[in-house]
C-alpha cells in the first residue's frame, strides 16, 4: 500500500531531490513551500514523474509559529495518516535577526520549526510503522553544548556559525529525546547528515562573505540527490526498530558528547515547550 509522505523544505535542494525520488513509489505527497513559483515547478515535475499522484502543497513560514500551526491544521484536515514525516526546512544566517516572536531566526526555523510541526502532527503517525526523519548536520560539532543562558546567541552571533551549529545540535537532542518518548509506540525517529550540498540554503544571506563562502566551498559540494541518500534510505527502510540514531551515507555514525546528554535533551524539550507556548504529553 502506498504511503503518505509529508516533507518540509521540498522545493529546493535536498528536499526536492528526496521527494522527486520518493514520488516514483508513493501516491500521496504533502509538502510545504514559501515560494509560489518553486511550488508550481515542483508540482509539474512530480506530475510528470507520476501523473496519478495526489499532491498537496501547503504554504508555511517556519519562522512564524502561527504559520506552522495553520499549516498543520490544513494537513490534519487533508489526511488521516502520515507514514513518513521528513523535517528538512532550514536556514543558515550570517547576520543576526529575530522572528516576530523575538527568537533568533536560525534557532526558530531549524529547531523550533521541527519541534512544533512534529508534535502537532504526531497523532497522525501510525504506531509500529511510522517514521520521523530530521535533517541535522555535522555542524552540530561547532558547539560544545547548548548556550542555555543565551540561546539566541545575541551576545556572540558574529557570522552565525555557532548559532547554526547549536540549531543542529538541537536537532539531534530532539531526535534522541523524541525517540525515547515514542519507543512504546514503535515509531522510529532518526536524523541525518546530508553532507555539504550545493543548494539554496543560505541564499537569503546577501553579505559578500556569505557569497564568497559559497563560491569557495562549491568544489567540495555533493549533489542534492547524494545529500538525500540517507533520507531515502530511512524512508524506505522496513526496520522500525532502529531509532534515535544519526545517519551519514545511510550508515549509523557517532555524534558529539553533548548530543548524548539526557538532561540536556529534557531541558531542551521543556524550553521548547515554553518558547512555542504549548505543552505536549506523549
Protein backbone atom coordinates (compact mmCIF):
# COMPACT_ATOMS: atom_id res chain seq x y z
CA UNK A 1 0.00 0.00 0.00
CA UNK A 2 1.37 3.39 -0.97
CA UNK A 3 2.43 5.60 1.91
CA UNK A 4 1.65 9.23 2.64
CA UNK A 5 4.77 11.40 2.82
CA UNK A 6 4.94 14.85 4.45
CA UNK A 7 8.10 16.87 3.81
CA UNK A 8 9.12 20.43 4.64
CA UNK A 9 11.52 22.47 2.54
CA UNK A 10 10.74 20.39 -0.54
CA UNK A 11 11.02 22.99 -3.30
CA UNK A 12 14.83 23.16 -3.35
CA UNK A 13 17.97 21.11 -2.96
CA UNK A 14 17.93 18.02 -0.76
CA UNK A 15 14.19 18.16 -0.12
CA UNK A 16 13.40 18.40 -3.82
CA UNK A 17 15.79 15.57 -4.67
CA UNK A 18 14.25 13.38 -1.96
CA UNK A 19 10.63 13.98 -2.90
CA UNK A 20 11.10 13.56 -6.65
CA UNK A 21 12.71 10.19 -5.95
CA UNK A 22 10.04 9.14 -3.44
CA UNK A 23 7.31 10.15 -5.91
CA UNK A 24 8.25 7.12 -8.00
CA UNK A 25 6.69 4.78 -5.45
CA UNK A 26 4.33 6.90 -3.34
CA UNK A 27 0.94 8.16 -4.50
CA UNK A 28 0.28 10.80 -1.82
CA UNK A 29 2.73 13.60 -1.10
CA UNK A 30 2.18 16.67 1.05
CA UNK A 31 4.85 19.36 1.06
CA UNK A 32 5.29 22.82 2.49
CA UNK A 33 6.53 25.78 0.48
CA UNK A 34 7.19 29.50 0.68
CA UNK A 35 7.94 30.41 -2.95
CA UNK A 36 4.95 30.14 -5.29
CA UNK A 37 7.00 29.69 -8.49
CA UNK A 38 9.12 26.92 -6.98
CA UNK A 39 5.95 25.23 -5.70
CA UNK A 40 4.40 25.26 -9.18
CA UNK A 41 7.53 23.91 -10.85
CA UNK A 42 7.82 21.09 -8.29
CA UNK A 43 4.18 20.11 -8.80
CA UNK A 44 4.76 19.96 -12.55
CA UNK A 45 7.88 17.84 -12.08
CA UNK A 46 6.12 15.41 -9.73
CA UNK A 47 3.11 15.08 -12.05
CA UNK A 48 5.49 14.25 -14.92
CA UNK A 49 7.08 11.51 -12.81
CA UNK A 50 3.73 10.06 -11.66
CA UNK A 51 0.64 11.51 -13.39
CA UNK A 52 -1.82 9.95 -10.93
CA UNK A 53 -0.01 11.29 -7.85
CA UNK A 54 -2.07 13.07 -5.19
CA UNK A 55 -0.27 16.30 -4.33
CA UNK A 56 -0.95 18.86 -1.64
CA UNK A 57 1.20 21.97 -1.39
CA UNK A 58 0.76 23.96 1.81
CA UNK A 59 2.25 27.37 2.50
CA UNK A 60 4.32 27.56 5.69
CA UNK A 61 6.81 30.08 7.04
CA UNK A 62 8.78 28.14 9.65
CA UNK A 63 9.97 31.33 11.31
CA UNK A 64 6.38 32.10 12.34
CA UNK A 65 4.77 29.80 14.92
CA UNK A 66 1.22 30.62 13.85
CA UNK A 67 2.09 29.80 10.24
CA UNK A 68 3.25 26.35 11.39
CA UNK A 69 0.03 25.85 13.31
CA UNK A 70 -2.07 26.89 10.31
CA UNK A 71 -0.17 24.51 8.02
CA UNK A 72 -0.69 21.66 10.46
CA UNK A 73 -4.42 22.41 10.63
CA UNK A 74 -4.61 22.06 6.84
CA UNK A 75 -2.63 18.79 6.90
CA UNK A 76 -4.80 17.35 9.67
CA UNK A 77 -7.91 18.12 7.60
CA UNK A 78 -6.48 16.58 4.44
CA UNK A 79 -5.12 13.20 5.56
CA UNK A 80 -5.87 10.50 8.13
CA UNK A 81 -2.27 9.34 8.43
CA UNK A 82 1.34 10.31 7.80
CA UNK A 83 3.59 7.32 7.19
CA UNK A 84 6.80 9.32 6.82
CA UNK A 85 7.40 12.83 8.17
CA UNK A 86 10.57 14.49 6.89
CA UNK A 87 11.70 17.70 8.63
CA UNK A 88 14.03 19.28 6.11
CA UNK A 89 13.31 23.04 6.04
CA UNK A 90 16.30 25.02 7.27
CA UNK A 91 18.27 28.26 7.12
CA UNK A 92 21.85 29.45 7.50
CA UNK A 93 22.11 33.09 8.59
CA UNK A 94 25.30 35.14 8.53
CA UNK A 95 23.59 38.16 10.11
CA UNK A 96 21.63 38.29 13.35
CA UNK A 97 17.90 38.86 13.29
CA UNK A 98 14.91 37.73 15.30
CA UNK A 99 11.47 36.43 14.39
CA UNK A 100 8.30 38.32 15.28
CA UNK A 101 8.26 36.21 18.49
CA UNK A 102 11.72 37.50 19.48
CA UNK A 103 13.55 34.25 18.72
CA UNK A 104 16.80 34.20 16.73
CA UNK A 105 15.80 33.12 13.22
CA UNK A 106 18.22 30.17 12.85
CA UNK A 107 17.06 28.53 16.08
CA UNK A 108 13.41 29.29 15.32
CA UNK A 109 13.38 27.69 11.87
CA UNK A 110 15.90 24.89 12.33
CA UNK A 111 14.80 23.64 15.74
CA UNK A 112 11.50 25.09 16.93
CA UNK A 113 10.03 24.54 13.47
CA UNK A 114 10.83 20.81 13.69
CA UNK A 115 9.65 20.63 17.29
CA UNK A 116 6.26 22.27 16.81
CA UNK A 117 5.48 20.79 13.38
CA UNK A 118 6.26 17.24 14.54
CA UNK A 119 4.34 17.44 17.80
CA UNK A 120 1.25 18.92 16.16
CA UNK A 121 1.16 16.08 13.60
CA UNK A 122 2.18 13.24 15.89
CA UNK A 123 -1.32 11.78 16.26
CA UNK A 124 -1.42 11.12 12.50
CA UNK A 125 1.73 8.97 12.52
CA UNK A 126 0.80 5.26 12.77
CA UNK A 127 2.23 3.14 15.56
CA UNK A 128 4.68 0.33 14.69
CA UNK A 129 5.33 1.66 11.18
CA UNK A 130 5.50 5.48 11.21
CA UNK A 131 8.80 7.25 10.62
CA UNK A 132 10.13 10.70 11.52
CA UNK A 133 13.32 11.87 9.78
CA UNK A 134 15.07 15.06 10.87
CA UNK A 135 17.78 16.69 8.77
CA UNK A 136 20.62 17.56 11.15
CA UNK A 137 24.27 18.20 10.27
CA UNK A 138 27.86 17.51 11.27
CA UNK A 139 27.85 21.22 12.10
CA UNK A 140 26.43 20.21 15.49
CA UNK A 141 30.08 19.76 16.48
CA UNK A 142 30.67 23.52 16.01
CA UNK A 143 29.49 23.92 19.62
CA UNK A 144 30.42 22.06 22.79
CA UNK A 145 26.94 22.42 24.26
CA UNK A 146 23.73 24.41 24.05
CA UNK A 147 24.24 28.02 25.10
CA UNK A 148 21.49 27.86 27.69
CA UNK A 149 21.95 31.39 29.03
CA UNK A 150 21.73 32.91 25.55
CA UNK A 151 20.00 30.52 23.11
CA UNK A 152 19.61 33.45 20.71
CA UNK A 153 23.40 33.86 20.53
CA UNK A 154 22.74 37.57 20.75
CA UNK A 155 26.00 38.26 22.57
CA UNK A 156 28.32 36.47 20.15
CA UNK A 157 26.46 35.77 16.91
CA UNK A 158 29.33 37.01 14.69
CA UNK A 159 28.90 35.19 11.33
CA UNK A 160 26.32 32.77 12.71
CA UNK A 161 28.34 29.55 12.51
CA UNK A 162 27.89 28.68 16.18
CA UNK A 163 24.20 29.62 16.10
CA UNK A 164 23.76 27.25 13.16
CA UNK A 165 25.77 24.55 14.94
CA UNK A 166 23.62 24.95 18.04
CA UNK A 167 20.44 24.56 15.98
CA UNK A 168 21.81 21.32 14.50
CA UNK A 169 22.80 20.05 17.96
CA UNK A 170 19.22 20.82 18.99
CA UNK A 171 18.00 18.64 16.09
CA UNK A 172 19.95 15.68 17.46
CA UNK A 173 18.93 16.27 21.08
CA UNK A 174 15.30 16.48 19.92
CA UNK A 175 15.64 13.32 17.81
CA UNK A 176 17.09 11.29 20.66
CA UNK A 177 14.59 12.52 23.23
CA UNK A 178 11.56 12.04 20.99
CA UNK A 179 12.72 8.53 20.04
CA UNK A 180 12.61 7.57 23.74
CA UNK A 181 9.17 9.10 24.17
CA UNK A 182 7.84 7.14 21.19
CA UNK A 183 9.62 3.86 21.91
CA UNK A 184 6.42 2.27 23.26
CA UNK A 185 4.57 3.22 20.07
CA UNK A 186 7.09 1.73 17.67
CA UNK A 187 7.51 4.99 15.74
CA UNK A 188 11.10 5.45 14.59
CA UNK A 189 12.79 8.84 14.94
CA UNK A 190 16.18 9.34 13.30
CA UNK A 191 18.26 12.19 11.94
CA UNK A 192 20.67 12.54 9.04
CA UNK A 193 23.72 14.49 7.98
CA UNK A 194 23.34 15.21 4.24
CA UNK A 195 26.90 16.44 3.76
CA UNK A 196 27.83 19.67 2.02
CA UNK A 197 25.28 20.15 -0.74
CA UNK A 198 25.09 22.98 -3.26
CA UNK A 199 21.54 24.13 -2.54
CA UNK A 200 19.65 27.38 -1.96
CA UNK A 201 20.34 27.05 1.78
CA UNK A 202 21.83 30.32 2.88
CA UNK A 203 20.73 32.15 -0.26
CA UNK A 204 18.93 34.69 1.92
CA UNK A 205 22.35 35.95 3.03
CA UNK A 206 23.31 38.90 0.86
CA UNK A 207 26.65 39.65 2.55
CA UNK A 208 29.84 39.49 0.50
CA UNK A 209 31.32 36.95 2.93
CA UNK A 210 28.27 34.70 2.61
CA UNK A 211 28.56 34.74 -1.19
CA UNK A 212 32.33 34.19 -1.05
CA UNK A 213 31.98 31.18 1.25
CA UNK A 214 29.58 29.53 -1.17
CA UNK A 215 31.97 30.09 -4.09
CA UNK A 216 34.95 28.72 -2.15
CA UNK A 217 33.07 25.62 -0.97
CA UNK A 218 31.43 24.81 -4.31
CA UNK A 219 34.12 22.32 -5.45
CA UNK A 220 33.51 20.26 -2.29
CA UNK A 221 29.72 20.08 -2.61
CA UNK A 222 27.90 16.84 -3.41
CA UNK A 223 24.74 16.64 -5.49
CA UNK A 224 21.33 17.13 -3.82
CA UNK A 225 20.42 13.52 -4.65
CA UNK A 226 23.59 12.26 -2.94
CA UNK A 227 22.74 14.51 0.02
CA UNK A 228 19.26 12.96 0.16
CA UNK A 229 20.65 9.40 0.25
CA UNK A 230 20.13 8.82 3.99
CA UNK A 231 16.64 10.34 3.88
CA UNK A 232 15.66 7.94 1.09
CA UNK A 233 17.25 5.00 2.91
CA UNK A 234 15.29 5.68 6.11
CA UNK A 235 12.03 6.50 4.33
CA UNK A 236 12.13 3.14 2.55
CA UNK A 237 13.52 1.07 5.41
CA UNK A 238 11.38 -1.83 6.66
CA UNK A 239 13.18 -1.79 10.02
CA UNK A 240 11.44 0.45 12.54
CA UNK A 241 13.46 -0.90 15.47
CA UNK A 242 16.35 1.46 14.73
CA UNK A 243 15.54 4.80 16.37
CA UNK A 244 17.32 7.75 17.94
CA UNK A 245 20.28 7.40 15.58
CA UNK A 246 22.29 9.73 13.35
CA UNK A 247 22.88 8.58 9.77
CA UNK A 248 25.60 9.59 7.32
CA UNK A 249 25.58 7.98 3.86
CA UNK A 250 22.91 5.52 5.06
CA UNK A 251 25.07 4.30 7.95
CA UNK A 252 24.79 4.98 11.69
CA UNK A 253 27.53 7.33 12.88
CA UNK A 254 28.51 8.78 16.22
CA UNK A 255 27.64 12.26 17.41
CA UNK A 256 29.18 14.72 19.87
CA UNK A 257 29.24 14.09 23.61
CA UNK A 258 26.81 16.95 24.16
CA UNK A 259 24.15 15.27 21.99
CA UNK A 260 24.01 12.27 24.36
CA UNK A 261 23.38 14.33 27.50
CA UNK A 262 19.95 13.21 28.69
CA UNK A 263 19.45 16.18 30.98
CA UNK A 264 20.14 18.49 28.01
CA UNK A 265 17.61 16.56 25.94
CA UNK A 266 14.99 17.02 28.65
CA UNK A 267 15.89 20.65 29.25
CA UNK A 268 15.65 21.48 25.54
CA UNK A 269 12.23 19.84 25.33
CA UNK A 270 10.91 21.87 28.26
CA UNK A 271 12.41 25.12 26.95
CA UNK A 272 10.97 24.44 23.51
CA UNK A 273 7.51 23.98 25.01
CA UNK A 274 7.91 27.33 26.79
CA UNK A 275 9.02 29.04 23.56
CA UNK A 276 6.12 27.72 21.47
CA UNK A 277 3.70 28.34 24.37
CA UNK A 278 2.38 24.79 24.22
CA UNK A 279 2.97 21.54 26.11
CA UNK A 280 2.84 18.07 24.61
CA UNK A 281 2.01 14.90 26.53
CA UNK A 282 3.28 11.82 24.73
